[in-house]
Structures are given as structure tokens and as C-alpha cells.
Amino acid sequence: MQIQPDPPDRILRIKTVLARTGLTRSTLYRKMEAGTFPKNTRISTRCTGWRETAIAEWMRNPTPDGTGNGPA
């Protein structure tokens, strides 16, 4: 049996991230600033995106502090 390599980590654009998370654009950027949402990655001069694995991980544990314990 041959082991299949992991597929490459896709870069998601903002519309896809907003649709998957249910966040508004302003809430997403506010959470990024607070450090409770994954940072975006620069794709080109005027284009950014988020790693699909980072968004999936955040969606499994979206608590404000990222620990799963909720607000202090």
C-alpha cells in the first residue's frame, strides 16, 4: 500500500473565510488584532489570504483566548 502525501495547504481569500466562520469583516480584523484569530498571509502586493489549516483549527477552538477555557 502506498502512502498518499498530505494535500498542500490552500490559501483562502477573505470572502471564503467570512463564509466559513460566519464572522463579519470588522470582527475578523478585530480578532486578528487581539491575537484570537489566525494572521493573514501576503500572497502578492495587494492580496492576502489565510491558510486553510489555520482556519480549520480556529473553528475547532474559537474561544476568545484560544485555550478552550472561554473568557477569564
Protein backbone atom coordinates (compact mmCIF):
# COMPACT_ATOMS: atom_id res chain seq x y z
CA MET A 1 0.00 0.00 0.00
CA GLN A 2 1.35 3.39 -0.97
CA ILE A 3 1.01 6.31 1.47
CA GLN A 4 -0.58 9.39 -0.06
CA PRO A 5 1.13 12.69 0.80
CA ASP A 6 -0.90 15.35 2.56
CA PRO A 7 -2.53 17.77 0.13
CA PRO A 8 -0.94 21.23 0.05
CA ASP A 9 -2.34 23.81 2.46
CA ARG A 10 -4.71 26.02 0.45
CA ILE A 11 -4.85 29.79 0.83
CA LEU A 12 -8.38 31.07 1.38
CA ARG A 13 -9.46 34.55 0.36
CA ILE A 14 -11.47 36.76 2.71
CA LYS A 15 -14.92 36.01 1.24
CA THR A 16 -14.36 32.28 1.79
CA VAL A 17 -13.05 32.83 5.34
CA LEU A 18 -16.04 35.01 6.22
CA ALA A 19 -18.46 32.44 4.78
CA ARG A 20 -16.83 29.54 6.67
CA THR A 21 -16.53 31.32 10.02
CA GLY A 22 -19.73 33.39 9.98
CA LEU A 23 -17.76 36.44 11.12
CA THR A 24 -18.10 39.93 9.69
CA ARG A 25 -15.07 41.57 8.12
CA SER A 26 -14.68 44.03 11.00
CA THR A 27 -14.97 41.28 13.63
CA LEU A 28 -12.39 39.17 11.81
CA TYR A 29 -9.85 42.02 11.77
CA ARG A 30 -10.64 42.93 15.38
CA LYS A 31 -9.96 39.31 16.42
CA MET A 32 -6.71 39.30 14.42
CA GLU A 33 -5.61 42.48 16.20
CA ALA A 34 -6.45 40.91 19.57
CA GLY A 35 -4.49 37.78 18.65
CA THR A 36 -7.52 35.48 18.82
CA PHE A 37 -7.73 34.73 15.09
CA PRO A 38 -5.00 33.50 12.71
CA LYS A 39 -2.98 36.18 10.95
CA ASN A 40 -3.33 36.50 7.21
CA THR A 41 -0.57 35.70 4.73
CA ARG A 42 0.54 38.05 1.97
CA ILE A 43 0.03 36.42 -1.44
CA SER A 44 1.10 39.39 -3.56
CA THR A 45 1.37 43.17 -3.29
CA ARG A 46 -2.37 43.76 -2.89
CA CYS A 47 -3.61 40.29 -1.99
CA THR A 48 -3.76 38.38 1.29
CA GLY A 49 -5.31 35.14 2.41
CA TRP A 50 -5.47 32.69 5.29
CA ARG A 51 -4.13 29.14 5.46
CA GLU A 52 -7.00 26.67 5.32
CA THR A 53 -5.50 24.58 8.13
CA ALA A 54 -5.25 27.63 10.42
CA ILE A 55 -8.92 28.48 9.82
CA ALA A 56 -9.98 24.86 10.39
CA GLU A 57 -8.01 24.76 13.67
CA TRP A 58 -9.57 28.06 14.81
CA MET A 59 -13.04 26.74 14.00
CA ARG A 60 -12.39 23.67 16.20
CA ASN A 61 -11.47 26.00 19.09
CA PRO A 62 -12.84 29.54 18.53
CA THR A 63 -12.78 30.67 22.18
CA PRO A 64 -11.54 34.22 22.82
CA ASP A 65 -8.29 33.12 24.46
CA GLY A 66 -7.70 30.16 22.13
CA THR A 67 -7.33 27.71 25.02
CA GLY A 68 -10.81 26.23 25.06
CA ASN A 69 -11.42 27.64 28.54
CA GLY A 70 -13.51 30.64 27.47
CA PRO A 71 -13.21 34.15 28.92
CA ALA A 72 -11.30 34.51 32.18
